[in-house]
């Protein structure tokens, strides 16, 4: 039976690694898989999914507002058996509803991977929508520098914590992210 899965965690928790393990298992089982990456902005580069462990695979881009079903996910009416979406936090509510339709009307399994919240603790639109409708969810955790389980992402700009209430979207040369437990996140945010 097809289901909608949401795998989420802090930066560095192993979401992309988990994605590649599932992708490998599914393709070895002769499943027709389609790999997508959601993006808040149009990209001129070749989209791909990559992990810190060195794996990388080309992916189809999904832009904010793009119609996924019917549309980008089944362009010729020939749907894959499995759809995998990375950076799912950047999906819109409407796109998540389209994924639900794909699962329950076409029988396609959908696995979404992404962050639960931004560095300020605010839910991403796509993550909040997935948490409301996913058939199953799995949280991947990291280890905080203090040794506790890390479920939050902290943003440092030139090693100084940022505390303005805006969403950080992408890594840049001057921004780094780290996984932290709630206690360390509160301290680094100055709350």
C-alpha atoms as a PDB file:
ATOM      1  CA  UNK A   1       0.000   0.000   0.000  1.00  0.00           C
ATOM      2  CA  UNK A   2       1.370   3.414  -0.956  1.00  0.00           C
ATOM      3  CA  UNK A   3       2.077   5.868   1.856  1.00  0.00           C
ATOM      4  CA  UNK A   4       3.438   9.352   2.425  1.00  0.00           C
ATOM      5  CA  UNK A   5       6.534   9.325   4.667  1.00  0.00           C
ATOM      6  CA  UNK A   6       8.255  12.366   6.191  1.00  0.00           C
ATOM      7  CA  UNK A   7      11.823  11.960   7.431  1.00  0.00           C
ATOM      8  CA  UNK A   8      13.061  15.047   9.258  1.00  0.00           C
ATOM      9  CA  UNK A   9      15.912  16.184  11.448  1.00  0.00           C
ATOM     10  CA  UNK A  10      18.418  18.924  12.194  1.00  0.00           C
ATOM     11  CA  UNK A  11      21.202  19.851   9.783  1.00  0.00           C
ATOM     12  CA  UNK A  12      23.773  17.066   9.687  1.00  0.00           C
ATOM     13  CA  UNK A  13      21.449  14.422  11.160  1.00  0.00           C
ATOM     14  CA  UNK A  14      21.860  12.113   8.160  1.00  0.00           C
ATOM     15  CA  UNK A  15      18.719  12.855   6.142  1.00  0.00           C
ATOM     16  CA  UNK A  16      20.504  12.727   2.778  1.00  0.00           C
ATOM     17  CA  UNK A  17      22.405   9.597   3.791  1.00  0.00           C
ATOM     18  CA  UNK A  18      19.094   7.962   4.759  1.00  0.00           C
ATOM     19  CA  UNK A  19      17.632   9.098   1.433  1.00  0.00           C
ATOM     20  CA  UNK A  20      20.467   7.439  -0.498  1.00  0.00           C
ATOM     21  CA  UNK A  21      20.129   4.191   1.487  1.00  0.00           C
ATOM     22  CA  UNK A  22      16.405   4.057   0.668  1.00  0.00           C
ATOM     23  CA  UNK A  23      16.999   5.027  -2.983  1.00  0.00           C
ATOM     24  CA  UNK A  24      19.578   2.229  -3.316  1.00  0.00           C
ATOM     25  CA  UNK A  25      17.262  -0.355  -1.724  1.00  0.00           C
ATOM     26  CA  UNK A  26      14.327   0.670  -3.918  1.00  0.00           C
ATOM     27  CA  UNK A  27      16.303   0.598  -7.164  1.00  0.00           C
ATOM     28  CA  UNK A  28      17.818  -2.780  -6.258  1.00  0.00           C
ATOM     29  CA  UNK A  29      14.235  -4.006  -5.793  1.00  0.00           C
ATOM     30  CA  UNK A  30      13.525  -2.891  -9.386  1.00  0.00           C
ATOM     31  CA  UNK A  31      11.308   0.006  -8.316  1.00  0.00           C
ATOM     32  CA  UNK A  32      10.994   2.955 -10.680  1.00  0.00           C
ATOM     33  CA  UNK A  33      12.157   5.890  -8.538  1.00  0.00           C
ATOM     34  CA  UNK A  34      12.080   9.597  -9.290  1.00  0.00           C
ATOM     35  CA  UNK A  35      14.288  11.929  -7.246  1.00  0.00           C
ATOM     36  CA  UNK A  36      13.292  15.563  -6.776  1.00  0.00           C
ATOM     37  CA  UNK A  37      14.710  18.488  -4.836  1.00  0.00           C
ATOM     38  CA  UNK A  38      12.461  21.321  -3.650  1.00  0.00           C
ATOM     39  CA  UNK A  39      13.887  24.815  -3.876  1.00  0.00           C
ATOM     40  CA  UNK A  40      12.654  28.197  -2.638  1.00  0.00           C
ATOM     41  CA  UNK A  41      14.276  29.884  -5.645  1.00  0.00           C
ATOM     42  CA  UNK A  42      14.825  29.017  -9.276  1.00  0.00           C
ATOM     43  CA  UNK A  43      18.248  27.502  -9.779  1.00  0.00           C
ATOM     44  CA  UNK A  44      20.393  27.895 -12.853  1.00  0.00           C
ATOM     45  CA  UNK A  45      22.711  25.071 -11.844  1.00  0.00           C
ATOM     46  CA  UNK A  46      22.087  21.370 -12.276  1.00  0.00           C
ATOM     47  CA  UNK A  47      20.053  20.292  -9.248  1.00  0.00           C
ATOM     48  CA  UNK A  48      21.264  17.321  -7.286  1.00  0.00           C
ATOM     49  CA  UNK A  49      20.987  15.678  -3.905  1.00  0.00           C
ATOM     50  CA  UNK A  50      24.266  15.210  -2.085  1.00  0.00           C
ATOM     51  CA  UNK A  51      25.306  14.045   1.351  1.00  0.00           C
ATOM     52  CA  UNK A  52      28.274  14.788   3.572  1.00  0.00           C
ATOM     53  CA  UNK A  53      29.302  11.148   3.093  1.00  0.00           C
ATOM     54  CA  UNK A  54      30.110  11.887  -0.547  1.00  0.00           C
ATOM     55  CA  UNK A  55      27.074  10.493  -2.346  1.00  0.00           C
ATOM     56  CA  UNK A  56      25.467  12.633  -5.031  1.00  0.00           C
ATOM     57  CA  UNK A  57      22.728  12.059  -7.564  1.00  0.00           C
ATOM     58  CA  UNK A  58      21.035  14.322 -10.138  1.00  0.00           C
ATOM     59  CA  UNK A  59      17.501  15.349  -9.208  1.00  0.00           C
ATOM     60  CA  UNK A  60      14.597  17.092 -10.864  1.00  0.00           C
ATOM     61  CA  UNK A  61      14.000  20.598  -9.467  1.00  0.00           C
ATOM     62  CA  UNK A  62      10.690  21.505  -7.832  1.00  0.00           C
ATOM     63  CA  UNK A  63      10.097  25.213  -7.507  1.00  0.00           C
ATOM     64  CA  UNK A  64       7.755  26.964  -5.089  1.00  0.00           C
ATOM     65  CA  UNK A  65       4.262  27.001  -6.554  1.00  0.00           C
ATOM     66  CA  UNK A  66       4.989  24.401  -9.232  1.00  0.00           C
ATOM     67  CA  UNK A  67       2.111  21.980  -9.764  1.00  0.00           C
ATOM     68  CA  UNK A  68       3.336  18.534  -8.765  1.00  0.00           C
ATOM     69  CA  UNK A  69       0.304  16.371  -9.435  1.00  0.00           C
ATOM     70  CA  UNK A  70      -0.880  16.152 -12.041  1.00  0.00           C
ATOM     71  CA  UNK A  71       2.172  17.723 -13.570  1.00  0.00           C
ATOM     72  CA  UNK A  72       5.856  17.541 -12.700  1.00  0.00           C
ATOM     73  CA  UNK A  73       5.731  14.166 -10.908  1.00  0.00           C
ATOM     74  CA  UNK A  74       3.857  12.335 -13.697  1.00  0.00           C
ATOM     75  CA  UNK A  75       4.499  14.474 -16.803  1.00  0.00           C
ATOM     76  CA  UNK A  76       3.394  11.860 -19.336  1.00  0.00           C
ATOM     77  CA  UNK A  77       0.840  10.144 -17.117  1.00  0.00           C
ATOM     78  CA  UNK A  78       3.400   7.404 -16.399  1.00  0.00           C
ATOM     79  CA  UNK A  79       4.029   7.771 -12.674  1.00  0.00           C
ATOM     80  CA  UNK A  80       7.035   6.216 -10.963  1.00  0.00           C
ATOM     81  CA  UNK A  81       6.517   3.630  -8.202  1.00  0.00           C
ATOM     82  CA  UNK A  82       8.325   5.829  -5.700  1.00  0.00           C
ATOM     83  CA  UNK A  83       8.829   9.594  -5.519  1.00  0.00           C
ATOM     84  CA  UNK A  84      11.593  10.930  -3.262  1.00  0.00           C
ATOM     85  CA  UNK A  85      11.668  14.646  -2.392  1.00  0.00           C
ATOM     86  CA  UNK A  86      14.695  16.231  -0.711  1.00  0.00           C
ATOM     87  CA  UNK A  87      14.557  19.674   0.969  1.00  0.00           C
ATOM     88  CA  UNK A  88      10.826  19.064   1.527  1.00  0.00           C
ATOM     89  CA  UNK A  89      10.638  21.985   3.965  1.00  0.00           C
ATOM     90  CA  UNK A  90      10.486  24.233   0.869  1.00  0.00           C
ATOM     91  CA  UNK A  91       7.275  22.652  -0.454  1.00  0.00           C
ATOM     92  CA  UNK A  92       4.078  24.664  -0.197  1.00  0.00           C
ATOM     93  CA  UNK A  93       0.906  23.411   1.521  1.00  0.00           C
ATOM     94  CA  UNK A  94      -0.678  23.033  -1.909  1.00  0.00           C
ATOM     95  CA  UNK A  95       2.242  20.898  -3.111  1.00  0.00           C
ATOM     96  CA  UNK A  96       1.972  18.655  -0.044  1.00  0.00           C
ATOM     97  CA  UNK A  97      -1.751  18.180  -0.760  1.00  0.00           C
ATOM     98  CA  UNK A  98      -0.792  17.211  -4.328  1.00  0.00           C
ATOM     99  CA  UNK A  99       1.611  14.602  -2.906  1.00  0.00           C
ATOM    100  CA  UNK A 100      -1.246  13.189  -0.810  1.00  0.00           C
ATOM    101  CA  UNK A 101      -3.323  12.902  -4.008  1.00  0.00           C
ATOM    102  CA  UNK A 102      -0.435  11.173  -5.793  1.00  0.00           C
ATOM    103  CA  UNK A 103      -0.184   8.614  -2.988  1.00  0.00           C
ATOM    104  CA  UNK A 104      -3.876   7.867  -2.643  1.00  0.00           C
ATOM    105  CA  UNK A 105      -5.076   8.271  -6.253  1.00  0.00           C
ATOM    106  CA  UNK A 106      -2.103   6.772  -8.125  1.00  0.00           C
ATOM    107  CA  UNK A 107      -0.715   4.388  -5.493  1.00  0.00           C
ATOM    108  CA  UNK A 108       2.737   6.003  -5.569  1.00  0.00           C
ATOM    109  CA  UNK A 109       4.849   5.856  -2.410  1.00  0.00           C
ATOM    110  CA  UNK A 110       6.277   9.270  -1.533  1.00  0.00           C
ATOM    111  CA  UNK A 111       9.203   9.842   0.827  1.00  0.00           C
ATOM    112  CA  UNK A 112      10.014  13.424   1.810  1.00  0.00           C
ATOM    113  CA  UNK A 113      13.200  14.478   3.582  1.00  0.00           C
ATOM    114  CA  UNK A 114      13.728  17.856   5.211  1.00  0.00           C
ATOM    115  CA  UNK A 115      14.137  20.110   8.201  1.00  0.00           C
ATOM    116  CA  UNK A 116      11.379  20.377  10.793  1.00  0.00           C
ATOM    117  CA  UNK A 117      12.042  24.025  11.658  1.00  0.00           C
ATOM    118  CA  UNK A 118      14.346  26.885  10.756  1.00  0.00           C
ATOM    119  CA  UNK A 119      17.187  28.106  12.981  1.00  0.00           C
ATOM    120  CA  UNK A 120      14.763  30.314  14.923  1.00  0.00           C
ATOM    121  CA  UNK A 121      12.391  27.458  15.778  1.00  0.00           C
ATOM    122  CA  UNK A 122       9.753  28.457  13.232  1.00  0.00           C
ATOM    123  CA  UNK A 123       8.071  25.713  11.222  1.00  0.00           C
ATOM    124  CA  UNK A 124       8.699  25.649   7.511  1.00  0.00           C
ATOM    125  CA  UNK A 125       5.473  25.625   5.493  1.00  0.00           C
ATOM    126  CA  UNK A 126       6.249  22.303   3.830  1.00  0.00           C
ATOM    127  CA  UNK A 127       7.346  20.617   7.055  1.00  0.00           C
ATOM    128  CA  UNK A 128       4.265  21.773   8.967  1.00  0.00           C
ATOM    129  CA  UNK A 129       1.998  20.532   6.178  1.00  0.00           C
ATOM    130  CA  UNK A 130       3.795  17.172   6.009  1.00  0.00           C
ATOM    131  CA  UNK A 131       3.571  16.701   9.779  1.00  0.00           C
ATOM    132  CA  UNK A 132      -0.184  17.241   9.523  1.00  0.00           C
ATOM    133  CA  UNK A 133      -0.845  14.710   6.728  1.00  0.00           C
ATOM    134  CA  UNK A 134       2.039  12.210   6.511  1.00  0.00           C
ATOM    135  CA  UNK A 135       1.098   8.576   7.045  1.00  0.00           C
ATOM    136  CA  UNK A 136       4.382   8.007   8.880  1.00  0.00           C
ATOM    137  CA  UNK A 137       7.137  10.237  10.247  1.00  0.00           C
ATOM    138  CA  UNK A 138      10.675   9.541  11.375  1.00  0.00           C
ATOM    139  CA  UNK A 139      12.953  11.941  13.214  1.00  0.00           C
ATOM    140  CA  UNK A 140      16.692  11.553  12.653  1.00  0.00           C
ATOM    141  CA  UNK A 141      18.829  12.988  15.414  1.00  0.00           C
ATOM    142  CA  UNK A 142      22.372  14.242  15.734  1.00  0.00           C
ATOM    143  CA  UNK A 143      24.697  14.600  18.715  1.00  0.00           C
ATOM    144  CA  UNK A 144      25.114  18.067  20.235  1.00  0.00           C
ATOM    145  CA  UNK A 145      28.557  19.314  21.235  1.00  0.00           C
ATOM    146  CA  UNK A 146      27.518  18.804  24.880  1.00  0.00           C
ATOM    147  CA  UNK A 147      26.740  15.124  24.206  1.00  0.00           C
ATOM    148  CA  UNK A 148      22.944  15.369  24.349  1.00  0.00           C
ATOM    149  CA  UNK A 149      20.620  14.447  21.471  1.00  0.00           C
ATOM    150  CA  UNK A 150      20.479  17.334  18.985  1.00  0.00           C
ATOM    151  CA  UNK A 151      17.130  18.042  17.333  1.00  0.00           C
ATOM    152  CA  UNK A 152      17.567  21.736  16.505  1.00  0.00           C
ATOM    153  CA  UNK A 153      19.662  23.669  14.019  1.00  0.00           C
ATOM    154  CA  UNK A 154      21.681  26.708  15.028  1.00  0.00           C
ATOM    155  CA  UNK A 155      22.927  29.375  12.632  1.00  0.00           C
ATOM    156  CA  UNK A 156      26.193  31.168  13.199  1.00  0.00           C
ATOM    157  CA  UNK A 157      27.316  34.086  11.090  1.00  0.00           C
ATOM    158  CA  UNK A 158      31.054  34.607  11.444  1.00  0.00           C
ATOM    159  CA  UNK A 159      30.685  32.455  14.596  1.00  0.00           C
ATOM    160  CA  UNK A 160      28.192  34.926  16.163  1.00  0.00           C
ATOM    161  CA  UNK A 161      24.659  33.603  16.754  1.00  0.00           C
ATOM    162  CA  UNK A 162      21.905  35.330  14.837  1.00  0.00           C
ATOM    163  CA  UNK A 163      18.734  36.036  16.762  1.00  0.00           C
ATOM    164  CA  UNK A 164      16.567  38.088  14.425  1.00  0.00           C
ATOM    165  CA  UNK A 165      13.328  36.317  13.590  1.00  0.00           C
ATOM    166  CA  UNK A 166      13.923  35.592   9.917  1.00  0.00           C
ATOM    167  CA  UNK A 167      14.285  32.308   8.084  1.00  0.00           C
ATOM    168  CA  UNK A 168      17.751  31.360   6.898  1.00  0.00           C
ATOM    169  CA  UNK A 169      17.391  29.466   3.636  1.00  0.00           C
ATOM    170  CA  UNK A 170      20.776  28.556   2.237  1.00  0.00           C
ATOM    171  CA  UNK A 171      24.362  27.973   3.222  1.00  0.00           C
ATOM    172  CA  UNK A 172      26.759  30.735   2.215  1.00  0.00           C
ATOM    173  CA  UNK A 173      30.461  31.123   2.776  1.00  0.00           C
ATOM    174  CA  UNK A 174      29.807  33.331   5.822  1.00  0.00           C
ATOM    175  CA  UNK A 175      27.044  31.218   7.387  1.00  0.00           C
ATOM    176  CA  UNK A 176      27.410  27.862   9.056  1.00  0.00           C
ATOM    177  CA  UNK A 177      24.913  25.586  10.708  1.00  0.00           C
ATOM    178  CA  UNK A 178      25.259  23.129  13.565  1.00  0.00           C
ATOM    179  CA  UNK A 179      22.930  20.688  15.265  1.00  0.00           C
ATOM    180  CA  UNK A 180      22.212  21.408  18.933  1.00  0.00           C
ATOM    181  CA  UNK A 181      20.086  20.112  21.777  1.00  0.00           C
ATOM    182  CA  UNK A 182      17.324  22.429  22.985  1.00  0.00           C
ATOM    183  CA  UNK A 183      19.363  23.605  25.978  1.00  0.00           C
ATOM    184  CA  UNK A 184      22.384  24.638  23.870  1.00  0.00           C
ATOM    185  CA  UNK A 185      20.139  26.107  21.157  1.00  0.00           C
ATOM    186  CA  UNK A 186      18.420  28.349  23.717  1.00  0.00           C
ATOM    187  CA  UNK A 187      21.820  29.497  24.994  1.00  0.00           C
ATOM    188  CA  UNK A 188      23.212  30.151  21.493  1.00  0.00           C
ATOM    189  CA  UNK A 189      20.068  32.078  20.522  1.00  0.00           C
ATOM    190  CA  UNK A 190      20.346  34.243  23.623  1.00  0.00           C
ATOM    191  CA  UNK A 191      16.831  33.354  24.755  1.00  0.00           C
END
